[in-house]
Amino acid sequence: MKKLDILAAVLVVVGGLNWGLVALAEFDLVATIFGLDFGETNAASRVVYGLVGLAAVYQVLQQAAIRRRWSRDPHAAAA
């Protein structure tokens, strides 16, 4: 499960950085990676956007479990 936690965290960071670039520089990193212009999508970019969204939902729903998995205290309770 820790590998899934890491993957979800990476995808959320990618999404956050992409939205930050969109807001600050009108630059869509995901679109650029797939050879598209700002705001354009194709199947591959929609998959990336979908995975970013699913990763965010996963992190919200699994927040307490993720904390317990990554805690150094084996008896850590959800805060």
C-alpha atoms as a PDB file:
ATOM      1  CA  MET A   1       0.000   0.000   0.000  1.00  0.00           C
ATOM      2  CA  LYS A   2       2.892   2.372   0.591  1.00  0.00           C
ATOM      3  CA  LYS A   3       3.742   2.240  -3.123  1.00  0.00           C
ATOM      4  CA  LEU A   4       0.183   3.308  -3.931  1.00  0.00           C
ATOM      5  CA  ASP A   5       0.488   6.124  -1.364  1.00  0.00           C
ATOM      6  CA  ILE A   6       3.662   7.345  -3.080  1.00  0.00           C
ATOM      7  CA  LEU A   7       2.143   7.108  -6.551  1.00  0.00           C
ATOM      8  CA  ALA A   8      -0.928   9.036  -5.405  1.00  0.00           C
ATOM      9  CA  ALA A   9       1.243  11.706  -3.792  1.00  0.00           C
ATOM     10  CA  VAL A  10       3.344  12.100  -6.945  1.00  0.00           C
ATOM     11  CA  LEU A  11       0.234  12.435  -9.102  1.00  0.00           C
ATOM     12  CA  VAL A  12      -1.259  15.037  -6.763  1.00  0.00           C
ATOM     13  CA  VAL A  13       2.003  17.014  -6.907  1.00  0.00           C
ATOM     14  CA  VAL A  14       2.024  16.790 -10.721  1.00  0.00           C
ATOM     15  CA  GLY A  15      -1.547  18.077 -10.784  1.00  0.00           C
ATOM     16  CA  GLY A  16      -0.774  20.870  -8.344  1.00  0.00           C
ATOM     17  CA  LEU A  17       2.290  21.970 -10.293  1.00  0.00           C
ATOM     18  CA  ASN A  18       0.346  21.862 -13.545  1.00  0.00           C
ATOM     19  CA  TRP A  19      -2.451  24.037 -12.121  1.00  0.00           C
ATOM     20  CA  GLY A  20       0.121  26.431 -10.650  1.00  0.00           C
ATOM     21  CA  LEU A  21       1.768  26.773 -14.047  1.00  0.00           C
ATOM     22  CA  VAL A  22      -1.632  27.303 -15.673  1.00  0.00           C
ATOM     23  CA  ALA A  23      -2.433  30.088 -13.199  1.00  0.00           C
ATOM     24  CA  LEU A  24       0.937  31.821 -13.202  1.00  0.00           C
ATOM     25  CA  ALA A  25       2.219  31.347 -16.732  1.00  0.00           C
ATOM     26  CA  GLU A  26      -0.724  30.118 -18.814  1.00  0.00           C
ATOM     27  CA  PHE A  27       1.374  27.002 -19.469  1.00  0.00           C
ATOM     28  CA  ASP A  28      -0.171  23.527 -19.455  1.00  0.00           C
ATOM     29  CA  LEU A  29       2.664  21.099 -18.755  1.00  0.00           C
ATOM     30  CA  VAL A  30       0.588  17.969 -19.393  1.00  0.00           C
ATOM     31  CA  ALA A  31      -0.620  19.288 -22.754  1.00  0.00           C
ATOM     32  CA  THR A  32       2.938  20.241 -23.700  1.00  0.00           C
ATOM     33  CA  ILE A  33       4.259  16.782 -22.802  1.00  0.00           C
ATOM     34  CA  PHE A  34       1.744  15.274 -25.224  1.00  0.00           C
ATOM     35  CA  GLY A  35       2.503  17.804 -27.987  1.00  0.00           C
ATOM     36  CA  LEU A  36      -0.718  19.753 -27.563  1.00  0.00           C
ATOM     37  CA  ASP A  37      -1.459  23.449 -27.260  1.00  0.00           C
ATOM     38  CA  PHE A  38      -2.707  25.059 -24.060  1.00  0.00           C
ATOM     39  CA  GLY A  39      -6.151  23.734 -23.184  1.00  0.00           C
ATOM     40  CA  GLU A  40      -6.165  20.939 -25.748  1.00  0.00           C
ATOM     41  CA  THR A  41      -6.654  17.339 -24.677  1.00  0.00           C
ATOM     42  CA  ASN A  42      -6.344  13.924 -26.210  1.00  0.00           C
ATOM     43  CA  ALA A  43      -6.892  10.439 -24.806  1.00  0.00           C
ATOM     44  CA  ALA A  44      -3.443  10.297 -23.183  1.00  0.00           C
ATOM     45  CA  SER A  45      -3.707  13.685 -21.479  1.00  0.00           C
ATOM     46  CA  ARG A  46      -7.222  12.851 -20.247  1.00  0.00           C
ATOM     47  CA  VAL A  47      -5.835   9.656 -18.720  1.00  0.00           C
ATOM     48  CA  VAL A  48      -3.215  11.710 -16.861  1.00  0.00           C
ATOM     49  CA  TYR A  49      -5.828  14.228 -15.677  1.00  0.00           C
ATOM     50  CA  GLY A  50      -8.098  11.366 -14.619  1.00  0.00           C
ATOM     51  CA  LEU A  51      -5.314   9.666 -12.670  1.00  0.00           C
ATOM     52  CA  VAL A  52      -4.499  12.950 -10.925  1.00  0.00           C
ATOM     53  CA  GLY A  53      -8.148  13.289  -9.921  1.00  0.00           C
ATOM     54  CA  LEU A  54      -8.355   9.693  -8.705  1.00  0.00           C
ATOM     55  CA  ALA A  55      -5.150  10.179  -6.716  1.00  0.00           C
ATOM     56  CA  ALA A  56      -6.647  13.210  -4.982  1.00  0.00           C
ATOM     57  CA  VAL A  57      -9.830  11.295  -4.127  1.00  0.00           C
ATOM     58  CA  TYR A  58      -7.728   8.379  -2.842  1.00  0.00           C
ATOM     59  CA  GLN A  59      -5.714  10.673  -0.592  1.00  0.00           C
ATOM     60  CA  VAL A  60      -8.810  12.348   0.807  1.00  0.00           C
ATOM     61  CA  LEU A  61     -10.587   9.065   1.514  1.00  0.00           C
ATOM     62  CA  GLN A  62      -7.504   7.273   2.848  1.00  0.00           C
ATOM     63  CA  GLN A  63      -5.979  10.127   4.853  1.00  0.00           C
ATOM     64  CA  ALA A  64      -6.193   8.400   8.253  1.00  0.00           C
ATOM     65  CA  ALA A  65      -4.963   5.064   6.906  1.00  0.00           C
ATOM     66  CA  ILE A  66      -2.062   6.749   5.120  1.00  0.00           C
ATOM     67  CA  ARG A  67      -1.072   8.485   8.357  1.00  0.00           C
ATOM     68  CA  ARG A  68      -1.107   5.176  10.236  1.00  0.00           C
ATOM     69  CA  ARG A  69       0.937   3.410   7.536  1.00  0.00           C
ATOM     70  CA  TRP A  70       3.610   6.090   7.519  1.00  0.00           C
ATOM     71  CA  SER A  71       3.711   6.750  11.283  1.00  0.00           C
ATOM     72  CA  ARG A  72       6.763   5.701  13.259  1.00  0.00           C
ATOM     73  CA  ASP A  73       4.436   4.998  16.186  1.00  0.00           C
ATOM     74  CA  PRO A  74       2.816   1.582  15.612  1.00  0.00           C
ATOM     75  CA  HIS A  75      -0.116   2.590  17.823  1.00  0.00           C
ATOM     76  CA  ALA A  76      -0.781   5.930  16.139  1.00  0.00           C
ATOM     77  CA  ALA A  77      -4.447   6.835  16.126  1.00  0.00           C
ATOM     78  CA  ALA A  78      -6.129   8.874  13.453  1.00  0.00           C
ATOM     79  CA  ALA A  79      -5.943  12.507  14.453  1.00  0.00           C
END
